[in-house]
PDB file of N, CA and C in Angstrom:
ATOM      1  N   MET A   1     -27.585  -8.098  -4.061  1.00  0.00           N
ATOM      2  CA  MET A   1     -27.839  -7.945  -2.643  1.00  0.00           C
ATOM      3  C   MET A   1     -26.730  -8.630  -1.861  1.00  0.00           C
ATOM      4  N   ALA A   2     -26.178  -7.934  -0.911  1.00  0.00           N
ATOM      5  CA  ALA A   2     -25.078  -8.463  -0.112  1.00  0.00           C
ATOM      6  C   ALA A   2     -25.608  -9.448   0.930  1.00  0.00           C
ATOM      7  N   LEU A   3     -24.815 -10.493   1.162  1.00  0.00           N
ATOM      8  CA  LEU A   3     -25.185 -11.472   2.175  1.00  0.00           C
ATOM      9  C   LEU A   3     -25.073 -10.877   3.577  1.00  0.00           C
ATOM     10  N   ILE A   4     -23.968 -10.184   3.821  1.00  0.00           N
ATOM     11  CA  ILE A   4     -23.776  -9.489   5.094  1.00  0.00           C
ATOM     12  C   ILE A   4     -23.199  -8.111   4.796  1.00  0.00           C
ATOM     13  N   SER A   5     -23.181  -7.271   5.796  1.00  0.00           N
ATOM     14  CA  SER A   5     -22.695  -5.909   5.582  1.00  0.00           C
ATOM     15  C   SER A   5     -21.181  -5.895   5.394  1.00  0.00           C
ATOM     16  N   LYS A   6     -20.713  -4.810   4.797  1.00  0.00           N
ATOM     17  CA  LYS A   6     -19.279  -4.645   4.565  1.00  0.00           C
ATOM     18  C   LYS A   6     -18.528  -4.599   5.883  1.00  0.00           C
ATOM     19  N   GLY A   7     -19.083  -3.935   6.877  1.00  0.00           N
ATOM     20  CA  GLY A   7     -18.440  -3.832   8.182  1.00  0.00           C
ATOM     21  C   GLY A   7     -18.283  -5.177   8.865  1.00  0.00           C
ATOM     22  N   ARG A   8     -19.306  -5.999   8.791  1.00  0.00           N
ATOM     23  CA  ARG A   8     -19.237  -7.322   9.422  1.00  0.00           C
ATOM     24  C   ARG A   8     -18.241  -8.212   8.694  1.00  0.00           C
ATOM     25  N   MET A   9     -18.246  -8.154   7.356  1.00  0.00           N
ATOM     26  CA  MET A   9     -17.288  -8.961   6.595  1.00  0.00           C
ATOM     27  C   MET A   9     -15.860  -8.486   6.869  1.00  0.00           C
ATOM     28  N   SER A  10     -15.683  -7.175   6.992  1.00  0.00           N
ATOM     29  CA  SER A  10     -14.368  -6.625   7.285  1.00  0.00           C
ATOM     30  C   SER A  10     -13.878  -7.094   8.649  1.00  0.00           C
ATOM     31  N   LYS A  11     -14.784  -7.134   9.632  1.00  0.00           N
ATOM     32  CA  LYS A  11     -14.411  -7.611  10.965  1.00  0.00           C
ATOM     33  C   LYS A  11     -14.001  -9.080  10.913  1.00  0.00           C
ATOM     34  N   MET A  12     -14.732  -9.874  10.153  1.00  0.00           N
ATOM     35  CA  MET A  12     -14.394 -11.296  10.013  1.00  0.00           C
ATOM     36  C   MET A  12     -13.029 -11.454   9.334  1.00  0.00           C
ATOM     37  N   MET A  13     -12.787 -10.633   8.307  1.00  0.00           N
ATOM     38  CA  MET A  13     -11.501 -10.688   7.611  1.00  0.00           C
ATOM     39  C   MET A  13     -10.357 -10.315   8.544  1.00  0.00           C
ATOM     40  N   LEU A  14     -10.568  -9.303   9.383  1.00  0.00           N
ATOM     41  CA  LEU A  14      -9.531  -8.883  10.320  1.00  0.00           C
ATOM     42  C   LEU A  14      -9.247  -9.986  11.341  1.00  0.00           C
ATOM     43  N   ASP A  15     -10.294 -10.646  11.819  1.00  0.00           N
ATOM     44  CA  ASP A  15     -10.103 -11.757  12.759  1.00  0.00           C
ATOM     45  C   ASP A  15      -9.291 -12.881  12.125  1.00  0.00           C
ATOM     46  N   ILE A  16      -9.566 -13.180  10.873  1.00  0.00           N
ATOM     47  CA  ILE A  16      -8.818 -14.223  10.160  1.00  0.00           C
ATOM     48  C   ILE A  16      -7.388 -13.775   9.916  1.00  0.00           C
ATOM     49  N   LEU A  17      -7.218 -12.515   9.543  1.00  0.00           N
ATOM     50  CA  LEU A  17      -5.885 -11.971   9.259  1.00  0.00           C
ATOM     51  C   LEU A  17      -4.974 -12.074  10.476  1.00  0.00           C
ATOM     52  N   LEU A  18      -5.519 -11.818  11.647  1.00  0.00           N
ATOM     53  CA  LEU A  18      -4.716 -11.857  12.867  1.00  0.00           C
ATOM     54  C   LEU A  18      -4.280 -13.276  13.235  1.00  0.00           C
ATOM     55  N   GLN A  19      -4.931 -14.280  12.673  1.00  0.00           N
ATOM     56  CA  GLN A  19      -4.572 -15.671  12.949  1.00  0.00           C
ATOM     57  C   GLN A  19      -3.416 -16.164  12.080  1.00  0.00           C
ATOM     58  N   PHE A  20      -3.139 -15.465  10.986  1.00  0.00           N
ATOM     59  CA  PHE A  20      -2.076 -15.898  10.082  1.00  0.00           C
ATOM     60  C   PHE A  20      -0.702 -15.703  10.702  1.00  0.00           C
ATOM     61  N   PRO A  21       0.222 -16.623  10.411  1.00  0.00           N
ATOM     62  CA  PRO A  21       1.604 -16.411  10.866  1.00  0.00           C
ATOM     63  C   PRO A  21       2.256 -15.292  10.059  1.00  0.00           C
ATOM     64  N   SER A  22       3.215 -14.642  10.669  1.00  0.00           N
ATOM     65  CA  SER A  22       3.904 -13.533  10.009  1.00  0.00           C
ATOM     66  C   SER A  22       4.586 -14.013   8.736  1.00  0.00           C
ATOM     67  N   GLY A  23       4.460 -13.226   7.674  1.00  0.00           N
ATOM     68  CA  GLY A  23       5.092 -13.557   6.412  1.00  0.00           C
ATOM     69  C   GLY A  23       4.192 -14.287   5.434  1.00  0.00           C
ATOM     70  N   THR A  24       2.949 -14.536   5.799  1.00  0.00           N
ATOM     71  CA  THR A  24       2.018 -15.211   4.895  1.00  0.00           C
ATOM     72  C   THR A  24       1.816 -14.366   3.641  1.00  0.00           C
ATOM     73  N   LYS A  25       1.868 -15.011   2.495  1.00  0.00           N
ATOM     74  CA  LYS A  25       1.696 -14.311   1.222  1.00  0.00           C
ATOM     75  C   LYS A  25       0.238 -14.379   0.770  1.00  0.00           C
ATOM     76  N   ASN A  26      -0.121 -13.566  -0.201  1.00  0.00           N
ATOM     77  CA  ASN A  26      -1.466 -13.545  -0.798  1.00  0.00           C
ATOM     78  C   ASN A  26      -2.554 -13.481   0.275  1.00  0.00           C
ATOM     79  N   LEU A  27      -2.501 -12.445   1.084  1.00  0.00           N
ATOM     80  CA  LEU A  27      -3.407 -12.332   2.222  1.00  0.00           C
ATOM     81  C   LEU A  27      -4.877 -12.334   1.817  1.00  0.00           C
ATOM     82  N   LYS A  28      -5.216 -11.577   0.804  1.00  0.00           N
ATOM     83  CA  LYS A  28      -6.620 -11.478   0.407  1.00  0.00           C
ATOM     84  C   LYS A  28      -7.164 -12.825  -0.060  1.00  0.00           C
ATOM     85  N   VAL A  29      -6.379 -13.549  -0.846  1.00  0.00           N
ATOM     86  CA  VAL A  29      -6.820 -14.856  -1.347  1.00  0.00           C
ATOM     87  C   VAL A  29      -6.997 -15.827  -0.189  1.00  0.00           C
ATOM     88  N   ASN A  30      -6.025 -15.851   0.718  1.00  0.00           N
ATOM     89  CA  ASN A  30      -6.106 -16.758   1.856  1.00  0.00           C
ATOM     90  C   ASN A  30      -7.277 -16.437   2.770  1.00  0.00           C
ATOM     91  N   ILE A  31      -7.524 -15.158   2.979  1.00  0.00           N
ATOM     92  CA  ILE A  31      -8.652 -14.761   3.824  1.00  0.00           C
ATOM     93  C   ILE A  31      -9.971 -15.149   3.169  1.00  0.00           C
ATOM     94  N   THR A  32     -10.077 -14.911   1.877  1.00  0.00           N
ATOM     95  CA  THR A  32     -11.308 -15.253   1.165  1.00  0.00           C
ATOM     96  C   THR A  32     -11.565 -16.756   1.221  1.00  0.00           C
ATOM     97  N   LEU A  33     -10.515 -17.555   1.106  1.00  0.00           N
ATOM     98  CA  LEU A  33     -10.683 -19.004   1.215  1.00  0.00           C
ATOM     99  C   LEU A  33     -11.128 -19.402   2.617  1.00  0.00           C
ATOM    100  N   ARG A  34     -10.591 -18.735   3.626  1.00  0.00           N
ATOM    101  CA  ARG A  34     -10.956 -19.064   5.010  1.00  0.00           C
ATOM    102  C   ARG A  34     -12.362 -18.597   5.359  1.00  0.00           C
ATOM    103  N   LEU A  35     -12.912 -17.670   4.583  1.00  0.00           N
ATOM    104  CA  LEU A  35     -14.297 -17.251   4.821  1.00  0.00           C
ATOM    105  C   LEU A  35     -15.279 -18.360   4.457  1.00  0.00           C
ATOM    106  N   GLY A  36     -14.811 -19.310   3.662  1.00  0.00           N
ATOM    107  CA  GLY A  36     -15.629 -20.463   3.305  1.00  0.00           C
ATOM    108  C   GLY A  36     -16.757 -20.109   2.368  1.00  0.00           C
ATOM    109  N   LEU A  37     -17.937 -20.604   2.685  1.00  0.00           N
ATOM    110  CA  LEU A  37     -19.101 -20.414   1.830  1.00  0.00           C
ATOM    111  C   LEU A  37     -19.462 -18.941   1.691  1.00  0.00           C
ATOM    112  N   LEU A  38     -19.254 -18.173   2.761  1.00  0.00           N
ATOM    113  CA  LEU A  38     -19.530 -16.735   2.698  1.00  0.00           C
ATOM    114  C   LEU A  38     -18.641 -16.060   1.666  1.00  0.00           C
ATOM    115  N   GLY A  39     -17.377 -16.450   1.615  1.00  0.00           N
ATOM    116  CA  GLY A  39     -16.456 -15.888   0.643  1.00  0.00           C
ATOM    117  C   GLY A  39     -16.790 -16.288  -0.780  1.00  0.00           C
ATOM    118  N   GLN A  40     -17.320 -17.481  -0.937  1.00  0.00           N
ATOM    119  CA  GLN A  40     -17.674 -17.958  -2.273  1.00  0.00           C
ATOM    120  C   GLN A  40     -18.965 -17.321  -2.788  1.00  0.00           C
ATOM    121  N   MET A  41     -19.880 -17.037  -1.877  1.00  0.00           N
ATOM    122  CA  MET A  41     -21.182 -16.526  -2.306  1.00  0.00           C
ATOM    123  C   MET A  41     -21.239 -14.999  -2.379  1.00  0.00           C
ATOM    124  N   SER A  42     -20.275 -14.326  -1.786  1.00  0.00           N
ATOM    125  CA  SER A  42     -20.290 -12.859  -1.801  1.00  0.00           C
ATOM    126  C   SER A  42     -19.822 -12.341  -3.155  1.00  0.00           C
ATOM    127  N   ALA A  43     -20.354 -11.200  -3.521  1.00  0.00           N
ATOM    128  CA  ALA A  43     -19.957 -10.563  -4.778  1.00  0.00           C
ATOM    129  C   ALA A  43     -18.529 -10.033  -4.651  1.00  0.00           C
ATOM    130  N   THR A  44     -17.831  -9.997  -5.755  1.00  0.00           N
ATOM    131  CA  THR A  44     -16.443  -9.537  -5.763  1.00  0.00           C
ATOM    132  C   THR A  44     -16.338  -8.112  -5.253  1.00  0.00           C
ATOM    133  N   ARG A  45     -17.283  -7.254  -5.639  1.00  0.00           N
ATOM    134  CA  ARG A  45     -17.219  -5.867  -5.192  1.00  0.00           C
ATOM    135  C   ARG A  45     -17.392  -5.756  -3.683  1.00  0.00           C
ATOM    136  N   ASP A  46     -18.210  -6.644  -3.083  1.00  0.00           N
ATOM    137  CA  ASP A  46     -18.383  -6.636  -1.631  1.00  0.00           C
ATOM    138  C   ASP A  46     -17.105  -7.091  -0.930  1.00  0.00           C
ATOM    139  N   ILE A  47     -16.468  -8.108  -1.479  1.00  0.00           N
ATOM    140  CA  ILE A  47     -15.214  -8.606  -0.908  1.00  0.00           C
ATOM    141  C   ILE A  47     -14.129  -7.547  -1.035  1.00  0.00           C
ATOM    142  N   ASN A  48     -14.044  -6.898  -2.189  1.00  0.00           N
ATOM    143  CA  ASN A  48     -13.033  -5.845  -2.389  1.00  0.00           C
ATOM    144  C   ASN A  48     -13.248  -4.675  -1.436  1.00  0.00           C
ATOM    145  N   ALA A  49     -14.497  -4.263  -1.250  1.00  0.00           N
ATOM    146  CA  ALA A  49     -14.788  -3.146  -0.348  1.00  0.00           C
ATOM    147  C   ALA A  49     -14.429  -3.520   1.092  1.00  0.00           C
ATOM    148  N   ALA A  50     -14.778  -4.724   1.489  1.00  0.00           N
ATOM    149  CA  ALA A  50     -14.448  -5.176   2.844  1.00  0.00           C
ATOM    150  C   ALA A  50     -12.937  -5.324   3.020  1.00  0.00           C
ATOM    151  N   TRP A  51     -12.246  -5.773   1.982  1.00  0.00           N
ATOM    152  CA  TRP A  51     -10.791  -5.932   2.063  1.00  0.00           C
ATOM    153  C   TRP A  51     -10.102  -4.575   2.199  1.00  0.00           C
ATOM    154  N   ASP A  52     -10.578  -3.576   1.468  1.00  0.00           N
ATOM    155  CA  ASP A  52     -10.009  -2.232   1.590  1.00  0.00           C
ATOM    156  C   ASP A  52     -10.166  -1.699   3.015  1.00  0.00           C
ATOM    157  N   GLU A  53     -11.327  -1.922   3.596  1.00  0.00           N
ATOM    158  CA  GLU A  53     -11.563  -1.486   4.969  1.00  0.00           C
ATOM    159  C   GLU A  53     -10.696  -2.274   5.953  1.00  0.00           C
ATOM    160  N   THR A  54     -10.533  -3.563   5.698  1.00  0.00           N
ATOM    161  CA  THR A  54      -9.720  -4.421   6.571  1.00  0.00           C
ATOM    162  C   THR A  54      -8.264  -3.984   6.559  1.00  0.00           C
ATOM    163  N   LYS A  55      -7.749  -3.630   5.381  1.00  0.00           N
ATOM    164  CA  LYS A  55      -6.348  -3.203   5.279  1.00  0.00           C
ATOM    165  C   LYS A  55      -6.088  -1.957   6.115  1.00  0.00           C
ATOM    166  N   SER A  56      -6.958  -0.973   5.989  1.00  0.00           N
ATOM    167  CA  SER A  56      -6.740   0.257   6.738  1.00  0.00           C
ATOM    168  C   SER A  56      -6.917   0.024   8.233  1.00  0.00           C
ATOM    169  N   ARG A  57      -7.877  -0.801   8.611  1.00  0.00           N
ATOM    170  CA  ARG A  57      -8.081  -1.122  10.021  1.00  0.00           C
ATOM    171  C   ARG A  57      -6.879  -1.852  10.616  1.00  0.00           C
ATOM    172  N   ALA A  58      -6.363  -2.827   9.876  1.00  0.00           N
ATOM    173  CA  ALA A  58      -5.221  -3.606  10.363  1.00  0.00           C
ATOM    174  C   ALA A  58      -4.002  -2.724  10.559  1.00  0.00           C
ATOM    175  N   ALA A  59      -3.764  -1.824   9.620  1.00  0.00           N
ATOM    176  CA  ALA A  59      -2.596  -0.939   9.722  1.00  0.00           C
ATOM    177  C   ALA A  59      -2.746   0.057  10.874  1.00  0.00           C
ATOM    178  N   LYS A  60      -3.970   0.510  11.129  1.00  0.00           N
ATOM    179  CA  LYS A  60      -4.190   1.467  12.219  1.00  0.00           C
ATOM    180  C   LYS A  60      -4.169   0.795  13.585  1.00  0.00           C
ATOM    181  N   LEU A  61      -4.817  -0.356  13.695  1.00  0.00           N
ATOM    182  CA  LEU A  61      -4.939  -1.021  14.992  1.00  0.00           C
ATOM    183  C   LEU A  61      -3.703  -1.824  15.376  1.00  0.00           C
ATOM    184  N   TYR A  62      -2.981  -2.329  14.396  1.00  0.00           N
ATOM    185  CA  TYR A  62      -1.825  -3.184  14.666  1.00  0.00           C
ATOM    186  C   TYR A  62      -0.606  -2.718  13.874  1.00  0.00           C
ATOM    187  N   PRO A  63      -0.096  -1.505  14.167  1.00  0.00           N
ATOM    188  CA  PRO A  63       1.050  -0.989  13.403  1.00  0.00           C
ATOM    189  C   PRO A  63       2.327  -1.794  13.640  1.00  0.00           C
ATOM    190  N   ASP A  64       2.375  -2.556  14.735  1.00  0.00           N
ATOM    191  CA  ASP A  64       3.544  -3.392  14.990  1.00  0.00           C
ATOM    192  C   ASP A  64       3.567  -4.627  14.094  1.00  0.00           C
ATOM    193  N   ARG A  65       2.414  -5.001  13.523  1.00  0.00           N
ATOM    194  CA  ARG A  65       2.340  -6.188  12.672  1.00  0.00           C
ATOM    195  C   ARG A  65       2.170  -5.879  11.185  1.00  0.00           C
ATOM    196  N   PHE A  66       1.494  -4.747  10.864  1.00  0.00           N
ATOM    197  CA  PHE A  66       1.158  -4.458   9.476  1.00  0.00           C
ATOM    198  C   PHE A  66       1.543  -3.043   9.082  1.00  0.00           C
ATOM    199  N   VAL A  67       1.862  -2.881   7.789  1.00  0.00           N
ATOM    200  CA  VAL A  67       2.167  -1.580   7.202  1.00  0.00           C
ATOM    201  C   VAL A  67       1.342  -1.444   5.933  1.00  0.00           C
ATOM    202  N   LEU A  68       0.686  -0.302   5.790  1.00  0.00           N
ATOM    203  CA  LEU A  68      -0.076  -0.002   4.583  1.00  0.00           C
ATOM    204  C   LEU A  68       0.688   1.068   3.833  1.00  0.00           C
ATOM    205  N   ASP A  69       1.244   0.714   2.666  1.00  0.00           N
ATOM    206  CA  ASP A  69       2.066   1.681   1.944  1.00  0.00           C
ATOM    207  C   ASP A  69       1.203   2.640   1.136  1.00  0.00           C
ATOM    208  N   LYS A  70       1.864   3.544   0.416  1.00  0.00           N
ATOM    209  CA  LYS A  70       1.156   4.594  -0.321  1.00  0.00           C
ATOM    210  C   LYS A  70       0.253   4.047  -1.424  1.00  0.00           C
ATOM    211  N   ARG A  71       0.554   2.858  -1.900  1.00  0.00           N
ATOM    212  CA  ARG A  71      -0.271   2.246  -2.955  1.00  0.00           C
ATOM    213  C   ARG A  71      -1.372   1.369  -2.378  1.00  0.00           C
ATOM    214  N   LYS A  72      -1.575   1.492  -1.068  1.00  0.00           N
ATOM    215  CA  LYS A  72      -2.621   0.752  -0.353  1.00  0.00           C
ATOM    216  C   LYS A  72      -2.417  -0.760  -0.406  1.00  0.00           C
ATOM    217  N   VAL A  73      -1.152  -1.183  -0.332  1.00  0.00           N
ATOM    218  CA  VAL A  73      -0.820  -2.604  -0.269  1.00  0.00           C
ATOM    219  C   VAL A  73      -0.479  -2.930   1.174  1.00  0.00           C
ATOM    220  N   LEU A  74      -1.157  -3.919   1.729  1.00  0.00           N
ATOM    221  CA  LEU A  74      -0.913  -4.325   3.106  1.00  0.00           C
ATOM    222  C   LEU A  74       0.272  -5.281   3.140  1.00  0.00           C
ATOM    223  N   GLN A  75       1.256  -4.954   3.978  1.00  0.00           N
ATOM    224  CA  GLN A  75       2.444  -5.783   4.092  1.00  0.00           C
ATOM    225  C   GLN A  75       2.741  -6.042   5.555  1.00  0.00           C
ATOM    226  N   TRP A  76       3.455  -7.118   5.803  1.00  0.00           N
ATOM    227  CA  TRP A  76       3.868  -7.440   7.159  1.00  0.00           C
ATOM    228  C   TRP A  76       4.943  -6.451   7.593  1.00  0.00           C
ATOM    229  N   ASN A  77       4.876  -6.013   8.831  1.00  0.00           N
ATOM    230  CA  ASN A  77       5.860  -5.085   9.370  1.00  0.00           C
ATOM    231  C   ASN A  77       7.001  -5.892   9.986  1.00  0.00           C
ATOM    232  N   ASP A  78       7.879  -6.383   9.125  1.00  0.00           N
ATOM    233  CA  ASP A  78       9.009  -7.182   9.606  1.00  0.00           C
ATOM    234  C   ASP A  78      10.314  -6.398   9.565  1.00  0.00           C
ATOM    235  N   GLY A  79      10.222  -5.104   9.335  1.00  0.00           N
ATOM    236  CA  GLY A  79      11.399  -4.254   9.309  1.00  0.00           C
ATOM    237  C   GLY A  79      12.005  -4.091   7.931  1.00  0.00           C
ATOM    238  N   SER A  80      11.618  -4.916   6.979  1.00  0.00           N
ATOM    239  CA  SER A  80      12.184  -4.821   5.634  1.00  0.00           C
ATOM    240  C   SER A  80      11.458  -3.798   4.767  1.00  0.00           C
ATOM    241  N   VAL A  81      10.268  -3.396   5.175  1.00  0.00           N
ATOM    242  CA  VAL A  81       9.472  -2.440   4.403  1.00  0.00           C
ATOM    243  C   VAL A  81       9.696  -1.048   4.962  1.00  0.00           C
ATOM    244  N   SER A  82      10.081  -0.131   4.088  1.00  0.00           N
ATOM    245  CA  SER A  82      10.210   1.257   4.511  1.00  0.00           C
ATOM    246  C   SER A  82       9.207   2.099   3.735  1.00  0.00           C
ATOM    247  N   VAL A  83       8.484   2.927   4.442  1.00  0.00           N
ATOM    248  CA  VAL A  83       7.494   3.792   3.811  1.00  0.00           C
ATOM    249  C   VAL A  83       8.238   4.973   3.205  1.00  0.00           C
ATOM    250  N   LEU A  84       8.043   5.188   1.921  1.00  0.00           N
ATOM    251  CA  LEU A  84       8.755   6.237   1.209  1.00  0.00           C
ATOM    252  C   LEU A  84       8.197   7.611   1.550  1.00  0.00           C
ATOM    253  N   ASP A  85       9.094   8.576   1.637  1.00  0.00           N
ATOM    254  CA  ASP A  85       8.696   9.952   1.865  1.00  0.00           C
ATOM    255  C   ASP A  85       8.389  10.579   0.515  1.00  0.00           C
ATOM    256  N   GLU A  86       7.133  10.877   0.279  1.00  0.00           N
ATOM    257  CA  GLU A  86       6.716  11.433  -1.006  1.00  0.00           C
ATOM    258  C   GLU A  86       6.396  12.917  -0.915  1.00  0.00           C
ATOM    259  N   LYS A  87       6.658  13.517   0.213  1.00  0.00           N
ATOM    260  CA  LYS A  87       6.312  14.923   0.385  1.00  0.00           C
ATOM    261  C   LYS A  87       7.418  15.801  -0.187  1.00  0.00           C
ATOM    262  N   ILE A  88       7.000  16.812  -0.917  1.00  0.00           N
ATOM    263  CA  ILE A  88       7.921  17.796  -1.457  1.00  0.00           C
ATOM    264  C   ILE A  88       7.223  19.142  -1.324  1.00  0.00           C
ATOM    265  N   SER A  89       7.976  20.149  -0.928  1.00  0.00           N
ATOM    266  CA  SER A  89       7.354  21.457  -0.729  1.00  0.00           C
ATOM    267  C   SER A  89       6.867  21.993  -2.071  1.00  0.00           C
ATOM    268  N   SER A  90       5.876  22.853  -2.007  1.00  0.00           N
ATOM    269  CA  SER A  90       5.315  23.397  -3.247  1.00  0.00           C
ATOM    270  C   SER A  90       6.345  24.245  -3.989  1.00  0.00           C
ATOM    271  N   THR A  91       7.213  24.909  -3.252  1.00  0.00           N
ATOM    272  CA  THR A  91       8.261  25.714  -3.895  1.00  0.00           C
ATOM    273  C   THR A  91       9.222  24.833  -4.667  1.00  0.00           C
ATOM    274  N   ASN A  92       9.690  23.766  -4.031  1.00  0.00           N
ATOM    275  CA  ASN A  92      10.609  22.849  -4.718  1.00  0.00           C
ATOM    276  C   ASN A  92       9.925  22.126  -5.869  1.00  0.00           C
ATOM    277  N   PHE A  93       8.630  21.852  -5.724  1.00  0.00           N
ATOM    278  CA  PHE A  93       7.887  21.209  -6.799  1.00  0.00           C
ATOM    279  C   PHE A  93       7.813  22.129  -8.023  1.00  0.00           C
ATOM    280  N   LYS A  94       7.565  23.404  -7.782  1.00  0.00           N
ATOM    281  CA  LYS A  94       7.520  24.369  -8.885  1.00  0.00           C
ATOM    282  C   LYS A  94       8.889  24.505  -9.542  1.00  0.00           C
ATOM    283  N   ARG A  95       9.941  24.575  -8.719  1.00  0.00           N
ATOM    284  CA  ARG A  95      11.297  24.689  -9.257  1.00  0.00           C
ATOM    285  C   ARG A  95      11.662  23.472 -10.097  1.00  0.00           C
ATOM    286  N   LEU A  96      11.289  22.309  -9.620  1.00  0.00           N
ATOM    287  CA  LEU A  96      11.584  21.075 -10.341  1.00  0.00           C
ATOM    288  C   LEU A  96      10.868  21.049 -11.696  1.00  0.00           C
ATOM    289  N   ASN A  97       9.622  21.463 -11.705  1.00  0.00           N
ATOM    290  CA  ASN A  97       8.874  21.513 -12.966  1.00  0.00           C
ATOM    291  C   ASN A  97       9.450  22.557 -13.924  1.00  0.00           C
ATOM    292  N   GLU A  98       9.852  23.704 -13.402  1.00  0.00           N
ATOM    293  CA  GLU A  98      10.453  24.736 -14.247  1.00  0.00           C
ATOM    294  C   GLU A  98      11.773  24.252 -14.847  1.00  0.00           C
ATOM    295  N   LEU A  99      12.581  23.603 -14.020  1.00  0.00           N
ATOM    296  CA  LEU A  99      13.856  23.083 -14.503  1.00  0.00           C
ATOM    297  C   LEU A  99      13.638  21.994 -15.558  1.00  0.00           C
ATOM    298  N   ALA A 100      12.659  21.144 -15.356  1.00  0.00           N
ATOM    299  CA  ALA A 100      12.359  20.110 -16.342  1.00  0.00           C
ATOM    300  C   ALA A 100      11.883  20.730 -17.655  1.00  0.00           C
ATOM    301  N   GLU A 101      11.137  21.804 -17.551  1.00  0.00           N
ATOM    302  CA  GLU A 101      10.653  22.485 -18.755  1.00  0.00           C
ATOM    303  C   GLU A 101      11.806  23.123 -19.521  1.00  0.00           C
ATOM    304  N   THR A 102      12.740  23.743 -18.814  1.00  0.00           N
ATOM    305  CA  THR A 102      13.877  24.371 -19.489  1.00  0.00           C
ATOM    306  C   THR A 102      14.815  23.330 -20.094  1.00  0.00           C
ATOM    307  N   GLU A 103      14.876  22.156 -19.492  1.00  0.00           N
ATOM    308  CA  GLU A 103      15.717  21.067 -20.017  1.00  0.00           C
ATOM    309  C   GLU A 103      15.000  20.238 -21.074  1.00  0.00           C
ATOM    310  N   ASN A 104      13.735  20.541 -21.333  1.00  0.00           N
ATOM    311  CA  ASN A 104      12.918  19.807 -22.309  1.00  0.00           C
ATOM    312  C   ASN A 104      12.857  18.311 -22.013  1.00  0.00           C
ATOM    313  N   CYS A 105      12.568  17.967 -20.765  1.00  0.00           N
ATOM    314  CA  CYS A 105      12.394  16.562 -20.386  1.00  0.00           C
ATOM    315  C   CYS A 105      11.334  16.486 -19.299  1.00  0.00           C
ATOM    316  N   SER A 106      10.963  15.273 -18.962  1.00  0.00           N
ATOM    317  CA  SER A 106       9.960  15.093 -17.913  1.00  0.00           C
ATOM    318  C   SER A 106      10.615  15.242 -16.541  1.00  0.00           C
ATOM    319  N   VAL A 107       9.800  15.427 -15.526  1.00  0.00           N
ATOM    320  CA  VAL A 107      10.311  15.546 -14.159  1.00  0.00           C
ATOM    321  C   VAL A 107      10.979  14.242 -13.752  1.00  0.00           C
ATOM    322  N   ASP A 108      10.401  13.107 -14.155  1.00  0.00           N
ATOM    323  CA  ASP A 108      10.973  11.805 -13.828  1.00  0.00           C
ATOM    324  C   ASP A 108      12.372  11.653 -14.424  1.00  0.00           C
ATOM    325  N   ALA A 109      12.528  12.050 -15.680  1.00  0.00           N
ATOM    326  CA  ALA A 109      13.843  11.967 -16.320  1.00  0.00           C
ATOM    327  C   ALA A 109      14.834  12.910 -15.644  1.00  0.00           C
ATOM    328  N   LEU A 110      14.372  14.081 -15.250  1.00  0.00           N
ATOM    329  CA  LEU A 110      15.240  15.039 -14.571  1.00  0.00           C
ATOM    330  C   LEU A 110      15.701  14.506 -13.216  1.00  0.00           C
ATOM    331  N   VAL A 111      14.799  13.911 -12.467  1.00  0.00           N
ATOM    332  CA  VAL A 111      15.162  13.344 -11.169  1.00  0.00           C
ATOM    333  C   VAL A 111      16.158  12.213 -11.351  1.00  0.00           C
ATOM    334  N   THR A 112      15.979  11.397 -12.368  1.00  0.00           N
ATOM    335  CA  THR A 112      16.929  10.316 -12.659  1.00  0.00           C
ATOM    336  C   THR A 112      18.312  10.875 -12.940  1.00  0.00           C
ATOM    337  N   LYS A 113      18.373  11.953 -13.746  1.00  0.00           N
ATOM    338  CA  LYS A 113      19.655  12.592 -14.043  1.00  0.00           C
ATOM    339  C   LYS A 113      20.290  13.177 -12.782  1.00  0.00           C
ATOM    340  N   LEU A 114      19.484  13.811 -11.951  1.00  0.00           N
ATOM    341  CA  LEU A 114      20.004  14.399 -10.719  1.00  0.00           C
ATOM    342  C   LEU A 114      20.554  13.338  -9.766  1.00  0.00           C
ATOM    343  N   ILE A 115      19.885  12.225  -9.674  1.00  0.00           N
ATOM    344  CA  ILE A 115      20.344  11.148  -8.797  1.00  0.00           C
ATOM    345  C   ILE A 115      21.647  10.552  -9.310  1.00  0.00           C
ATOM    346  N   SER A 116      21.708  10.310 -10.616  1.00  0.00           N
ATOM    347  CA  SER A 116      22.943   9.734 -11.168  1.00  0.00           C
ATOM    348  C   SER A 116      24.110  10.720 -11.021  1.00  0.00           C
ATOM    349  N   HIS A 117      23.847  12.015 -11.211  1.00  0.00           N
ATOM    350  CA  HIS A 117      24.890  13.027 -11.021  1.00  0.00           C
ATOM    351  C   HIS A 117      25.349  13.058  -9.561  1.00  0.00           C
ATOM    352  N   TYR A 118      24.416  12.976  -8.646  1.00  0.00           N
ATOM    353  CA  TYR A 118      24.738  12.965  -7.222  1.00  0.00           C
ATOM    354  C   TYR A 118      25.608  11.755  -6.865  1.00  0.00           C
ATOM    355  N   LYS A 119      25.260  10.592  -7.399  1.00  0.00           N
ATOM    356  CA  LYS A 119      26.043   9.382  -7.116  1.00  0.00           C
ATOM    357  C   LYS A 119      27.445   9.482  -7.672  1.00  0.00           C
ATOM    358  N   ARG A 120      27.577  10.060  -8.887  1.00  0.00           N
ATOM    359  CA  ARG A 120      28.923  10.238  -9.473  1.00  0.00           C
ATOM    360  C   ARG A 120      29.752  11.191  -8.634  1.00  0.00           C
ATOM    361  N   GLN A 121      29.155  12.271  -8.174  1.00  0.00           N
ATOM    362  CA  GLN A 121      29.882  13.252  -7.368  1.00  0.00           C
ATOM    363  C   GLN A 121      30.273  12.663  -5.999  1.00  0.00           C
ATOM    364  N   LYS A 122      29.447  11.797  -5.481  1.00  0.00           N
ATOM    365  CA  LYS A 122      29.720  11.194  -4.179  1.00  0.00           C
ATOM    366  C   LYS A 122      30.888  10.208  -4.243  1.00  0.00           C
ATOM    367  N   LYS A 123      31.059   9.545  -5.392  1.00  0.00           N
ATOM    368  CA  LYS A 123      32.144   8.580  -5.570  1.00  0.00           C
ATOM    369  C   LYS A 123      33.508   9.266  -5.619  1.00  0.00           C
ATOM    370  N   LYS A 124      33.523  10.528  -6.062  1.00  0.00           N
ATOM    371  CA  LYS A 124      34.809  11.251  -6.222  1.00  0.00           C
ATOM    372  C   LYS A 124      35.410  11.644  -4.911  1.00  0.00           C
TER     373      LYS A 124
END
């Protein structure tokens, strides 16, 4: 049985998160410690669920301070973090898979070869 609801715990976590100075490491651990007795008595699954909600809320409400990357890791928006473009058209995705199949290698290995070839050609 949860001590408090996930939404209320998430709101408390967000309030604590906003008090931290920029660049603070181990956000989840620090927030859980600042929750005090509530953080100690809550179940891990409740804390994890509230933390997931807090991360998405922080990134949506405060995009100038926080960035949520594709792996759902909350990071400070200090300009050093760039969100990777993972979109590829379905046509290019099919072509890439076909080319990898004809070369008898994985798509990852093929992309590595293409990047290294591109870098060599750029140096010339």
